[in-house]
Amino acid sequence: MSKTTVLGLTGQTGAGKSTVSAIFSERKIPVVDADQVARDVVDNGKQCLADLCLAFTIDILNGDGTLNRQKFADLVFGDKAKLKKLNSIIFPYIIEEIGDTIKQYREAGEPLVVLDAPTLFESGADRFCDLVVSVIAPENERLNRIIVRDRISDTQARTRMKAQHNDAFYTSRSKYVIVNDGDLDTLREKTLDVLDHVRVDGIDLHPAEE
């Protein structure tokens, strides 16, 4: 079986990580989206959702039995103890699913897989990674992006930002750091520059497009 290198992609909310992830996808590199995995593991009827209800009561549910994501986010992101409890419940389910997905890519012979995970280190998913790329951005720019993206208030956005780590947390744990402090074209250039420096078994991961 050929080696599959796993590149962990992480960063603060609003920093532009999703855009960087999309650029990787454009290069035909498989991306495992940990946010999507997290949504999948709490689908209605899943054991993880039942565990969350036991810990936080059924008040976190919509009338149809699905998770009320906005209400739940407001509940946990402003309370470190509740956020810690959430993570202790959901992370094992996410890790298991991510491991299975990476295994499938490895068996398919993919040379590189990107693991896009905002809580890469907190969840322990960095155990899967051979190297890590972090995306950071100025605080005011992150704040504005979060408000527009999630359609939430300034106060809600700041609460989510405070629940995350500072720049140094990410830069000290990453092989490469992308600072998203310009326009989209600049971010693309920085991302492709990182790809120019990444090699897997001697294969250039930023090949010229056909």
N, C-alpha and C. Protein backbone atom coordinates (compact mmCIF):
# COMPACT_ATOMS: atom_id res chain seq x y z
N MET A 1 0.85 -1.20 0.00
CA MET A 1 0.00 0.00 0.00
C MET A 1 0.88 1.25 0.00
N SER A 2 0.62 2.20 -0.93
CA SER A 2 1.43 3.41 -1.01
C SER A 2 1.12 4.33 0.16
N LYS A 3 2.10 5.17 0.47
CA LYS A 3 1.94 6.09 1.59
C LYS A 3 0.97 7.21 1.26
N THR A 4 0.10 7.52 2.20
CA THR A 4 -0.79 8.67 2.10
C THR A 4 -0.39 9.69 3.15
N THR A 5 -0.02 10.86 2.71
CA THR A 5 0.33 11.92 3.64
C THR A 5 -0.92 12.71 3.99
N VAL A 6 -1.13 12.95 5.27
CA VAL A 6 -2.30 13.70 5.73
C VAL A 6 -1.84 15.08 6.17
N LEU A 7 -2.42 16.10 5.54
CA LEU A 7 -2.11 17.49 5.87
C LEU A 7 -3.27 18.05 6.69
N GLY A 8 -3.00 18.42 7.92
CA GLY A 8 -4.02 19.02 8.76
C GLY A 8 -4.15 20.50 8.46
N LEU A 9 -5.38 20.94 8.24
CA LEU A 9 -5.66 22.35 7.96
C LEU A 9 -6.56 22.88 9.07
N THR A 10 -6.10 23.91 9.76
CA THR A 10 -6.87 24.43 10.89
C THR A 10 -6.72 25.94 10.99
N GLY A 11 -7.35 26.53 11.99
CA GLY A 11 -7.29 27.97 12.18
C GLY A 11 -8.52 28.48 12.91
N GLN A 12 -8.50 29.75 13.22
CA GLN A 12 -9.59 30.36 13.98
C GLN A 12 -10.81 30.58 13.10
N THR A 13 -11.98 30.64 13.72
CA THR A 13 -13.19 30.93 12.98
C THR A 13 -13.09 32.30 12.33
N GLY A 14 -13.49 32.38 11.08
CA GLY A 14 -13.44 33.64 10.35
C GLY A 14 -12.10 33.97 9.72
N ALA A 15 -11.12 33.08 9.88
CA ALA A 15 -9.79 33.37 9.35
C ALA A 15 -9.68 33.11 7.85
N GLY A 16 -10.59 32.30 7.31
CA GLY A 16 -10.53 32.00 5.88
C GLY A 16 -10.12 30.58 5.58
N LYS A 17 -10.18 29.72 6.57
CA LYS A 17 -9.77 28.32 6.40
C LYS A 17 -10.59 27.60 5.32
N SER A 18 -11.88 27.87 5.29
CA SER A 18 -12.75 27.21 4.31
C SER A 18 -12.36 27.59 2.88
N THR A 19 -11.95 28.83 2.70
CA THR A 19 -11.50 29.26 1.37
C THR A 19 -10.21 28.55 0.99
N VAL A 20 -9.30 28.43 1.93
CA VAL A 20 -8.06 27.71 1.67
C VAL A 20 -8.37 26.24 1.35
N SER A 21 -9.30 25.67 2.08
CA SER A 21 -9.70 24.28 1.83
C SER A 21 -10.24 24.12 0.42
N ALA A 22 -11.03 25.10 -0.02
CA ALA A 22 -11.60 25.05 -1.37
C ALA A 22 -10.50 25.11 -2.43
N ILE A 23 -9.44 25.85 -2.16
CA ILE A 23 -8.32 25.94 -3.09
C ILE A 23 -7.62 24.59 -3.19
N PHE A 24 -7.48 23.89 -2.07
CA PHE A 24 -6.93 22.55 -2.10
C PHE A 24 -7.80 21.65 -2.97
N SER A 25 -9.11 21.76 -2.80
CA SER A 25 -10.03 20.92 -3.57
C SER A 25 -9.91 21.20 -5.06
N GLU A 26 -9.71 22.46 -5.41
CA GLU A 26 -9.53 22.83 -6.82
C GLU A 26 -8.32 22.14 -7.43
N ARG A 27 -7.35 21.81 -6.58
CA ARG A 27 -6.15 21.12 -7.06
C ARG A 27 -6.33 19.60 -7.08
N LYS A 28 -7.58 19.17 -6.94
CA LYS A 28 -7.94 17.75 -6.99
C LYS A 28 -7.38 16.97 -5.80
N ILE A 29 -7.17 17.66 -4.69
CA ILE A 29 -6.70 17.00 -3.47
C ILE A 29 -7.92 16.69 -2.60
N PRO A 30 -8.12 15.43 -2.18
CA PRO A 30 -9.27 15.08 -1.34
C PRO A 30 -9.24 15.83 -0.01
N VAL A 31 -10.40 16.33 0.40
CA VAL A 31 -10.51 17.05 1.66
C VAL A 31 -11.53 16.36 2.57
N VAL A 32 -11.10 16.04 3.79
CA VAL A 32 -12.01 15.52 4.81
C VAL A 32 -12.45 16.71 5.64
N ASP A 33 -13.72 17.04 5.58
CA ASP A 33 -14.27 18.22 6.26
C ASP A 33 -14.77 17.80 7.64
N ALA A 34 -14.03 18.15 8.69
CA ALA A 34 -14.39 17.74 10.05
C ALA A 34 -15.70 18.39 10.50
N ASP A 35 -16.00 19.59 9.99
CA ASP A 35 -17.27 20.23 10.34
C ASP A 35 -18.44 19.41 9.81
N GLN A 36 -18.29 18.91 8.58
CA GLN A 36 -19.34 18.08 8.00
C GLN A 36 -19.45 16.77 8.77
N VAL A 37 -18.32 16.22 9.16
CA VAL A 37 -18.33 15.00 9.97
C VAL A 37 -19.08 15.25 11.27
N ALA A 38 -18.81 16.40 11.90
CA ALA A 38 -19.49 16.74 13.16
C ALA A 38 -20.99 16.86 12.96
N ARG A 39 -21.41 17.42 11.84
CA ARG A 39 -22.84 17.52 11.56
C ARG A 39 -23.44 16.13 11.35
N ASP A 40 -22.71 15.29 10.65
CA ASP A 40 -23.21 13.95 10.36
C ASP A 40 -23.40 13.11 11.62
N VAL A 41 -22.47 13.24 12.57
CA VAL A 41 -22.54 12.36 13.75
C VAL A 41 -23.65 12.76 14.72
N VAL A 42 -24.23 13.96 14.54
CA VAL A 42 -25.35 14.35 15.41
C VAL A 42 -26.67 14.37 14.65
N ASP A 43 -26.71 13.71 13.50
CA ASP A 43 -27.97 13.60 12.78
C ASP A 43 -29.02 12.93 13.65
N ASN A 44 -30.26 13.24 13.38
CA ASN A 44 -31.37 12.67 14.13
C ASN A 44 -31.27 11.14 14.14
N GLY A 45 -31.36 10.56 15.34
CA GLY A 45 -31.31 9.12 15.46
C GLY A 45 -29.94 8.56 15.77
N LYS A 46 -28.90 9.39 15.68
CA LYS A 46 -27.55 8.93 15.94
C LYS A 46 -27.29 8.88 17.45
N GLN A 47 -26.43 7.96 17.88
CA GLN A 47 -26.12 7.79 19.30
C GLN A 47 -25.51 9.05 19.89
N CYS A 48 -24.71 9.76 19.10
CA CYS A 48 -24.07 10.98 19.60
C CYS A 48 -25.12 12.00 20.02
N LEU A 49 -26.19 12.14 19.23
CA LEU A 49 -27.24 13.09 19.57
C LEU A 49 -27.93 12.70 20.88
N ALA A 50 -28.12 11.40 21.06
CA ALA A 50 -28.72 10.92 22.31
C ALA A 50 -27.83 11.26 23.50
N ASP A 51 -26.53 11.11 23.32
CA ASP A 51 -25.59 11.43 24.39
C ASP A 51 -25.61 12.92 24.73
N LEU A 52 -25.76 13.75 23.69
CA LEU A 52 -25.83 15.19 23.92
C LEU A 52 -27.11 15.57 24.69
N CYS A 53 -28.19 14.90 24.37
CA CYS A 53 -29.45 15.16 25.07
C CYS A 53 -29.36 14.77 26.54
N LEU A 54 -28.68 13.68 26.80
CA LEU A 54 -28.50 13.26 28.19
C LEU A 54 -27.69 14.30 28.97
N ALA A 55 -26.73 14.91 28.31
CA ALA A 55 -25.85 15.87 28.98
C ALA A 55 -26.47 17.27 29.07
N PHE A 56 -27.24 17.67 28.04
CA PHE A 56 -27.73 19.05 27.97
C PHE A 56 -29.25 19.17 27.96
N THR A 57 -29.95 18.05 28.09
CA THR A 57 -31.42 17.94 28.08
C THR A 57 -31.96 18.08 26.65
N ILE A 58 -33.22 17.68 26.48
CA ILE A 58 -33.84 17.71 25.15
C ILE A 58 -34.19 19.13 24.71
N ASP A 59 -33.91 20.11 25.55
CA ASP A 59 -34.15 21.50 25.16
C ASP A 59 -33.29 21.92 23.98
N ILE A 60 -32.25 21.16 23.68
CA ILE A 60 -31.37 21.50 22.56
C ILE A 60 -31.94 21.04 21.22
N LEU A 61 -33.08 20.36 21.25
CA LEU A 61 -33.67 19.81 20.03
C LEU A 61 -34.74 20.72 19.44
N ASN A 62 -34.91 20.60 18.14
CA ASN A 62 -36.06 21.20 17.47
C ASN A 62 -37.27 20.30 17.69
N GLY A 63 -38.42 20.76 17.25
CA GLY A 63 -39.64 19.98 17.41
C GLY A 63 -39.62 18.65 16.69
N ASP A 64 -38.81 18.56 15.61
CA ASP A 64 -38.75 17.33 14.83
C ASP A 64 -37.67 16.37 15.33
N GLY A 65 -37.04 16.71 16.45
CA GLY A 65 -36.03 15.82 17.02
C GLY A 65 -34.62 16.06 16.54
N THR A 66 -34.42 17.03 15.66
CA THR A 66 -33.07 17.36 15.20
C THR A 66 -32.44 18.38 16.14
N LEU A 67 -31.13 18.51 16.05
CA LEU A 67 -30.41 19.45 16.90
C LEU A 67 -30.68 20.88 16.46
N ASN A 68 -31.03 21.73 17.40
CA ASN A 68 -31.17 23.17 17.14
C ASN A 68 -29.77 23.76 17.26
N ARG A 69 -29.10 23.88 16.15
CA ARG A 69 -27.67 24.21 16.15
C ARG A 69 -27.40 25.62 16.67
N GLN A 70 -28.24 26.58 16.30
CA GLN A 70 -28.02 27.94 16.78
C GLN A 70 -28.21 28.04 18.28
N LYS A 71 -29.28 27.42 18.79
CA LYS A 71 -29.55 27.45 20.22
C LYS A 71 -28.44 26.74 20.99
N PHE A 72 -27.98 25.63 20.44
CA PHE A 72 -26.93 24.86 21.10
C PHE A 72 -25.62 25.64 21.11
N ALA A 73 -25.31 26.31 19.99
CA ALA A 73 -24.09 27.11 19.91
C ALA A 73 -24.10 28.24 20.94
N ASP A 74 -25.24 28.90 21.06
CA ASP A 74 -25.35 29.99 22.04
C ASP A 74 -25.18 29.45 23.46
N LEU A 75 -25.64 28.23 23.69
CA LEU A 75 -25.56 27.62 25.01
C LEU A 75 -24.13 27.29 25.41
N VAL A 76 -23.35 26.72 24.49
CA VAL A 76 -22.03 26.19 24.87
C VAL A 76 -20.88 27.16 24.65
N PHE A 77 -20.96 28.02 23.64
CA PHE A 77 -19.81 28.87 23.33
C PHE A 77 -19.59 29.98 24.35
N GLY A 78 -20.58 30.28 25.15
CA GLY A 78 -20.40 31.29 26.18
C GLY A 78 -20.06 30.70 27.54
N ASP A 79 -19.85 29.39 27.59
CA ASP A 79 -19.60 28.70 28.87
C ASP A 79 -18.52 27.66 28.65
N LYS A 80 -17.34 27.90 29.19
CA LYS A 80 -16.20 27.00 28.95
C LYS A 80 -16.46 25.60 29.47
N ALA A 81 -17.16 25.49 30.61
CA ALA A 81 -17.44 24.16 31.17
C ALA A 81 -18.36 23.37 30.24
N LYS A 82 -19.38 24.04 29.69
CA LYS A 82 -20.29 23.37 28.78
C LYS A 82 -19.62 23.01 27.47
N LEU A 83 -18.74 23.90 27.01
CA LEU A 83 -18.00 23.62 25.78
C LEU A 83 -17.09 22.41 25.97
N LYS A 84 -16.46 22.33 27.13
CA LYS A 84 -15.60 21.19 27.43
C LYS A 84 -16.41 19.90 27.48
N LYS A 85 -17.61 19.97 28.05
CA LYS A 85 -18.47 18.80 28.11
C LYS A 85 -18.89 18.36 26.70
N LEU A 86 -19.26 19.34 25.88
CA LEU A 86 -19.63 19.05 24.49
C LEU A 86 -18.50 18.33 23.78
N ASN A 87 -17.30 18.88 23.89
CA ASN A 87 -16.15 18.29 23.20
C ASN A 87 -15.86 16.88 23.67
N SER A 88 -16.01 16.63 24.97
CA SER A 88 -15.73 15.29 25.49
C SER A 88 -16.71 14.26 24.94
N ILE A 89 -17.91 14.71 24.60
CA ILE A 89 -18.92 13.80 24.06
C ILE A 89 -18.75 13.59 22.56
N ILE A 90 -18.56 14.68 21.83
CA ILE A 90 -18.61 14.59 20.38
C ILE A 90 -17.28 14.20 19.72
N PHE A 91 -16.16 14.58 20.35
CA PHE A 91 -14.87 14.33 19.71
C PHE A 91 -14.60 12.85 19.42
N PRO A 92 -14.89 11.91 20.33
CA PRO A 92 -14.64 10.50 20.01
C PRO A 92 -15.39 10.02 18.77
N TYR A 93 -16.61 10.50 18.57
CA TYR A 93 -17.38 10.12 17.39
C TYR A 93 -16.75 10.70 16.13
N ILE A 94 -16.30 11.95 16.22
CA ILE A 94 -15.67 12.60 15.08
C ILE A 94 -14.36 11.91 14.71
N ILE A 95 -13.55 11.60 15.71
CA ILE A 95 -12.27 10.95 15.48
C ILE A 95 -12.45 9.60 14.79
N GLU A 96 -13.43 8.84 15.25
CA GLU A 96 -13.68 7.53 14.64
C GLU A 96 -14.06 7.66 13.16
N GLU A 97 -14.93 8.62 12.87
CA GLU A 97 -15.38 8.81 11.49
C GLU A 97 -14.25 9.31 10.60
N ILE A 98 -13.45 10.24 11.12
CA ILE A 98 -12.31 10.75 10.35
C ILE A 98 -11.32 9.64 10.05
N GLY A 99 -11.03 8.82 11.05
CA GLY A 99 -10.10 7.71 10.85
C GLY A 99 -10.57 6.76 9.77
N ASP A 100 -11.86 6.46 9.77
CA ASP A 100 -12.41 5.57 8.75
C ASP A 100 -12.30 6.18 7.35
N THR A 101 -12.56 7.48 7.26
CA THR A 101 -12.51 8.15 5.96
C THR A 101 -11.09 8.21 5.42
N ILE A 102 -10.13 8.55 6.28
CA ILE A 102 -8.73 8.59 5.84
C ILE A 102 -8.27 7.20 5.41
N LYS A 103 -8.71 6.18 6.12
CA LYS A 103 -8.35 4.81 5.75
C LYS A 103 -8.84 4.49 4.34
N GLN A 104 -10.03 4.94 4.00
CA GLN A 104 -10.58 4.69 2.67
C GLN A 104 -9.73 5.37 1.60
N TYR A 105 -9.30 6.59 1.86
CA TYR A 105 -8.45 7.29 0.90
C TYR A 105 -7.09 6.60 0.78
N ARG A 106 -6.58 6.12 1.89
CA ARG A 106 -5.30 5.42 1.87
C ARG A 106 -5.40 4.15 1.03
N GLU A 107 -6.48 3.42 1.22
CA GLU A 107 -6.69 2.19 0.46
C GLU A 107 -6.88 2.48 -1.02
N ALA A 108 -7.38 3.68 -1.34
CA ALA A 108 -7.57 4.07 -2.73
C ALA A 108 -6.28 4.58 -3.37
N GLY A 109 -5.22 4.72 -2.55
CA GLY A 109 -3.92 5.12 -3.08
C GLY A 109 -3.72 6.61 -3.24
N GLU A 110 -4.51 7.43 -2.56
CA GLU A 110 -4.34 8.88 -2.65
C GLU A 110 -3.02 9.29 -1.99
N PRO A 111 -2.17 10.07 -2.69
CA PRO A 111 -0.89 10.47 -2.10
C PRO A 111 -1.02 11.52 -1.00
N LEU A 112 -2.07 12.37 -1.10
CA LEU A 112 -2.26 13.44 -0.13
C LEU A 112 -3.74 13.59 0.19
N VAL A 113 -4.03 13.74 1.47
CA VAL A 113 -5.39 14.03 1.93
C VAL A 113 -5.32 15.22 2.88
N VAL A 114 -6.22 16.16 2.72
CA VAL A 114 -6.29 17.31 3.62
C VAL A 114 -7.38 17.05 4.65
N LEU A 115 -7.03 17.22 5.92
CA LEU A 115 -8.00 17.12 7.00
C LEU A 115 -8.31 18.53 7.47
N ASP A 116 -9.46 19.04 7.06
CA ASP A 116 -9.91 20.40 7.38
C ASP A 116 -10.65 20.34 8.71
N ALA A 117 -10.01 20.82 9.78
CA ALA A 117 -10.59 20.67 11.12
C ALA A 117 -10.31 21.90 11.98
N PRO A 118 -11.34 22.68 12.31
CA PRO A 118 -11.13 23.85 13.16
C PRO A 118 -10.64 23.50 14.56
N THR A 119 -11.00 22.31 15.05
CA THR A 119 -10.54 21.85 16.37
C THR A 119 -9.56 20.69 16.20
N LEU A 120 -8.65 20.86 15.29
CA LEU A 120 -7.70 19.79 14.97
C LEU A 120 -6.93 19.32 16.20
N PHE A 121 -6.40 20.25 16.98
CA PHE A 121 -5.59 19.90 18.14
C PHE A 121 -6.46 19.53 19.34
N GLU A 122 -7.53 20.28 19.54
CA GLU A 122 -8.39 20.05 20.69
C GLU A 122 -9.03 18.67 20.65
N SER A 123 -9.38 18.22 19.46
CA SER A 123 -10.05 16.93 19.31
C SER A 123 -9.07 15.76 19.31
N GLY A 124 -7.79 16.06 19.12
CA GLY A 124 -6.79 15.00 19.00
C GLY A 124 -6.66 14.47 17.59
N ALA A 125 -7.34 15.12 16.63
CA ALA A 125 -7.29 14.67 15.23
C ALA A 125 -5.92 14.92 14.60
N ASP A 126 -5.10 15.74 15.25
CA ASP A 126 -3.76 15.96 14.72
C ASP A 126 -2.92 14.69 14.74
N ARG A 127 -3.40 13.67 15.46
CA ARG A 127 -2.69 12.38 15.47
C ARG A 127 -2.65 11.75 14.08
N PHE A 128 -3.58 12.13 13.22
CA PHE A 128 -3.64 11.57 11.87
C PHE A 128 -2.69 12.29 10.92
N CYS A 129 -2.15 13.45 11.33
CA CYS A 129 -1.49 14.36 10.39
C CYS A 129 0.03 14.20 10.37
N ASP A 130 0.57 14.35 9.17
CA ASP A 130 2.02 14.36 8.98
C ASP A 130 2.57 15.78 9.04
N LEU A 131 1.75 16.75 8.74
CA LEU A 131 2.11 18.16 8.87
C LEU A 131 0.84 18.98 9.00
N VAL A 132 0.98 20.20 9.52
CA VAL A 132 -0.18 21.04 9.78
C VAL A 132 0.02 22.42 9.14
N VAL A 133 -1.05 22.92 8.53
CA VAL A 133 -1.11 24.28 8.00
C VAL A 133 -2.20 25.02 8.75
N SER A 134 -1.86 26.17 9.32
CA SER A 134 -2.85 26.98 10.03
C SER A 134 -3.13 28.27 9.27
N VAL A 135 -4.39 28.71 9.33
CA VAL A 135 -4.80 29.97 8.71
C VAL A 135 -5.20 30.93 9.83
N ILE A 136 -4.59 32.10 9.85
CA ILE A 136 -4.92 33.12 10.85
C ILE A 136 -5.22 34.43 10.13
N ALA A 137 -5.85 35.35 10.85
CA ALA A 137 -6.21 36.63 10.24
C ALA A 137 -6.39 37.67 11.34
N PRO A 138 -6.30 38.97 10.99
CA PRO A 138 -6.52 40.03 11.97
C PRO A 138 -7.90 39.90 12.62
N GLU A 139 -8.00 40.24 13.89
CA GLU A 139 -9.22 40.04 14.66
C GLU A 139 -10.43 40.76 14.06
N ASN A 140 -10.27 42.01 13.65
CA ASN A 140 -11.40 42.76 13.11
C ASN A 140 -11.93 42.15 11.82
N GLU A 141 -11.03 41.65 10.99
CA GLU A 141 -11.46 41.02 9.75
C GLU A 141 -12.21 39.72 10.04
N ARG A 142 -11.73 38.97 11.02
CA ARG A 142 -12.42 37.74 11.41
C ARG A 142 -13.82 38.06 11.93
N LEU A 143 -13.91 39.08 12.76
CA LEU A 143 -15.19 39.47 13.34
C LEU A 143 -16.21 39.79 12.25
N ASN A 144 -15.82 40.60 11.29
CA ASN A 144 -16.73 40.98 10.22
C ASN A 144 -17.16 39.78 9.38
N ARG A 145 -16.23 38.88 9.11
CA ARG A 145 -16.56 37.69 8.31
C ARG A 145 -17.57 36.80 9.04
N ILE A 146 -17.37 36.63 10.34
CA ILE A 146 -18.26 35.76 11.11
C ILE A 146 -19.67 36.33 11.14
N ILE A 147 -19.79 37.63 11.35
CA ILE A 147 -21.11 38.28 11.40
C ILE A 147 -21.86 38.09 10.08
N VAL A 148 -21.16 38.30 8.98
CA VAL A 148 -21.79 38.17 7.66
C VAL A 148 -22.07 36.70 7.34
N ARG A 149 -21.10 35.84 7.58
CA ARG A 149 -21.22 34.42 7.23
C ARG A 149 -22.33 33.72 8.00
N ASP A 150 -22.34 33.94 9.32
CA ASP A 150 -23.28 33.20 10.18
C ASP A 150 -24.55 33.98 10.51
N ARG A 151 -24.60 35.24 10.04
CA ARG A 151 -25.78 36.08 10.27
C ARG A 151 -26.11 36.18 11.76
N ILE A 152 -25.09 36.51 12.52
CA ILE A 152 -25.25 36.64 13.96
C ILE A 152 -24.82 38.04 14.39
N SER A 153 -25.08 38.35 15.64
CA SER A 153 -24.77 39.69 16.15
C SER A 153 -23.29 39.84 16.46
N ASP A 154 -22.88 41.08 16.66
CA ASP A 154 -21.50 41.37 17.04
C ASP A 154 -21.15 40.65 18.34
N THR A 155 -22.07 40.68 19.30
CA THR A 155 -21.84 40.03 20.59
C THR A 155 -21.67 38.52 20.45
N GLN A 156 -22.53 37.90 19.66
CA GLN A 156 -22.44 36.45 19.44
C GLN A 156 -21.12 36.09 18.76
N ALA A 157 -20.72 36.89 17.79
CA ALA A 157 -19.47 36.63 17.08
C ALA A 157 -18.26 36.74 18.02
N ARG A 158 -18.26 37.77 18.86
CA ARG A 158 -17.15 37.95 19.79
C ARG A 158 -17.09 36.81 20.80
N THR A 159 -18.25 36.30 21.21
CA THR A 159 -18.29 35.18 22.15
C THR A 159 -17.63 33.95 21.53
N ARG A 160 -17.92 33.70 20.27
CA ARG A 160 -17.32 32.54 19.59
C ARG A 160 -15.81 32.72 19.44
N MET A 161 -15.39 33.93 19.15
CA MET A 161 -13.96 34.19 18.99
C MET A 161 -13.21 34.00 20.30
N LYS A 162 -13.83 34.43 21.40
CA LYS A 162 -13.18 34.31 22.70
C LYS A 162 -13.03 32.85 23.13
N ALA A 163 -13.86 31.99 22.58
CA ALA A 163 -13.81 30.57 22.93
C ALA A 163 -12.66 29.86 22.22
N GLN A 164 -11.96 30.57 21.32
CA GLN A 164 -10.87 29.95 20.56
C GLN A 164 -9.50 30.45 21.02
N HIS A 165 -8.48 29.79 20.49
CA HIS A 165 -7.10 30.11 20.87
C HIS A 165 -6.58 31.32 20.09
N ASN A 166 -5.49 31.89 20.60
CA ASN A 166 -4.87 33.02 19.92
C ASN A 166 -3.94 32.55 18.80
N ASP A 167 -3.37 33.52 18.09
CA ASP A 167 -2.52 33.20 16.95
C ASP A 167 -1.35 32.29 17.33
N ALA A 168 -0.74 32.57 18.48
CA ALA A 168 0.45 31.83 18.88
C ALA A 168 0.18 30.35 19.06
N PHE A 169 -1.01 30.02 19.49
CA PHE A 169 -1.37 28.60 19.67
C PHE A 169 -1.22 27.86 18.35
N TYR A 170 -1.69 28.49 17.27
CA TYR A 170 -1.65 27.84 15.96
C TYR A 170 -0.26 27.89 15.33
N THR A 171 0.39 29.05 15.39
CA THR A 171 1.68 29.18 14.73
C THR A 171 2.73 28.27 15.35
N SER A 172 2.64 28.04 16.66
CA SER A 172 3.63 27.21 17.34
C SER A 172 3.45 25.72 17.05
N ARG A 173 2.31 25.36 16.49
CA ARG A 173 2.01 23.94 16.25
C ARG A 173 1.95 23.59 14.77
N SER A 174 2.32 24.52 13.92
CA SER A 174 2.14 24.33 12.48
C SER A 174 3.46 24.41 11.72
N LYS A 175 3.54 23.62 10.67
CA LYS A 175 4.72 23.69 9.80
C LYS A 175 4.62 24.91 8.90
N TYR A 176 3.41 25.22 8.45
CA TYR A 176 3.18 26.39 7.61
C TYR A 176 2.03 27.21 8.19
N VAL A 177 2.12 28.54 8.06
CA VAL A 177 1.07 29.45 8.52
C VAL A 177 0.70 30.38 7.38
N ILE A 178 -0.59 30.46 7.10
CA ILE A 178 -1.09 31.37 6.08
C ILE A 178 -1.80 32.53 6.79
N VAL A 179 -1.29 33.73 6.59
CA VAL A 179 -1.89 34.92 7.20
C VAL A 179 -2.83 35.55 6.17
N ASN A 180 -4.12 35.48 6.44
CA ASN A 180 -5.13 35.99 5.51
C ASN A 180 -5.45 37.44 5.84
N ASP A 181 -4.61 38.34 5.34
CA ASP A 181 -4.79 39.76 5.63
C ASP A 181 -4.92 40.59 4.36
N GLY A 182 -5.28 39.93 3.27
CA GLY A 182 -5.44 40.64 2.00
C GLY A 182 -6.70 40.21 1.28
N ASP A 183 -6.70 40.34 -0.05
CA ASP A 183 -7.88 39.95 -0.81
C ASP A 183 -7.80 38.48 -1.19
N LEU A 184 -8.81 38.02 -1.92
CA LEU A 184 -8.90 36.61 -2.28
C LEU A 184 -7.73 36.16 -3.14
N ASP A 185 -7.32 37.00 -4.07
CA ASP A 185 -6.19 36.65 -4.94
C ASP A 185 -4.92 36.46 -4.13
N THR A 186 -4.73 37.31 -3.13
CA THR A 186 -3.54 37.20 -2.28
C THR A 186 -3.58 35.91 -1.47
N LEU A 187 -4.78 35.58 -0.96
CA LEU A 187 -4.92 34.34 -0.20
C LEU A 187 -4.64 33.13 -1.08
N ARG A 188 -5.10 33.18 -2.31
CA ARG A 188 -4.84 32.08 -3.25
C ARG A 188 -3.34 31.93 -3.50
N GLU A 189 -2.66 33.04 -3.70
CA GLU A 189 -1.22 33.00 -3.94
C GLU A 189 -0.49 32.39 -2.76
N LYS A 190 -0.89 32.78 -1.54
CA LYS A 190 -0.24 32.25 -0.34
C LYS A 190 -0.50 30.75 -0.20
N THR A 191 -1.71 30.33 -0.52
CA THR A 191 -2.04 28.91 -0.41
C THR A 191 -1.25 28.09 -1.41
N LEU A 192 -1.18 28.56 -2.64
CA LEU A 192 -0.44 27.84 -3.67
C LEU A 192 1.06 27.85 -3.37
N ASP A 193 1.52 28.90 -2.72
CA ASP A 193 2.93 28.94 -2.32
C ASP A 193 3.23 27.84 -1.30
N VAL A 194 2.29 27.62 -0.37
CA VAL A 194 2.46 26.52 0.59
C VAL A 194 2.50 25.19 -0.16
N LEU A 195 1.60 25.02 -1.12
CA LEU A 195 1.57 23.77 -1.88
C LEU A 195 2.86 23.56 -2.65
N ASP A 196 3.47 24.65 -3.08
CA ASP A 196 4.75 24.55 -3.79
C ASP A 196 5.84 23.96 -2.90
N HIS A 197 5.69 24.11 -1.60
CA HIS A 197 6.72 23.66 -0.66
C HIS A 197 6.42 22.28 -0.06
N VAL A 198 5.24 21.77 -0.39
CA VAL A 198 4.85 20.48 0.17
C VAL A 198 5.15 19.37 -0.83
N ARG A 199 5.78 18.31 -0.34
CA ARG A 199 6.09 17.18 -1.20
C ARG A 199 5.65 15.90 -0.53
N VAL A 200 5.15 14.97 -1.31
CA VAL A 200 4.79 13.66 -0.80
C VAL A 200 5.48 12.62 -1.67
N ASP A 201 6.40 11.89 -1.06
CA ASP A 201 7.15 10.85 -1.78
C ASP A 201 7.76 11.38 -3.07
N GLY A 202 8.21 12.64 -3.01
CA GLY A 202 8.88 13.22 -4.17
C GLY A 202 7.93 13.72 -5.24
N ILE A 203 6.60 13.68 -4.99
CA ILE A 203 5.62 14.12 -5.98
C ILE A 203 5.25 15.56 -5.70
N ASP A 204 5.30 16.41 -6.71
CA ASP A 204 4.90 17.79 -6.54
C ASP A 204 3.38 17.84 -6.39
N LEU A 205 2.93 18.43 -5.29
CA LEU A 205 1.50 18.49 -5.02
C LEU A 205 0.85 19.73 -5.62
N HIS A 206 1.63 20.51 -6.36
CA HIS A 206 1.09 21.68 -7.04
C HIS A 206 1.45 21.56 -8.52
N PRO A 207 0.93 20.53 -9.19
CA PRO A 207 1.29 20.31 -10.59
C PRO A 207 0.65 21.34 -11.50
N ALA A 208 1.26 21.53 -12.65
CA ALA A 208 0.65 22.43 -13.62
C ALA A 208 -0.66 21.83 -14.09
N GLU A 209 -1.69 22.67 -14.18
CA GLU A 209 -2.99 22.17 -14.60
C GLU A 209 -2.96 21.83 -16.09
N GLU A 210 -3.63 20.76 -16.42
CA GLU A 210 -3.65 20.33 -17.82
C GLU A 210 -4.69 21.14 -18.58
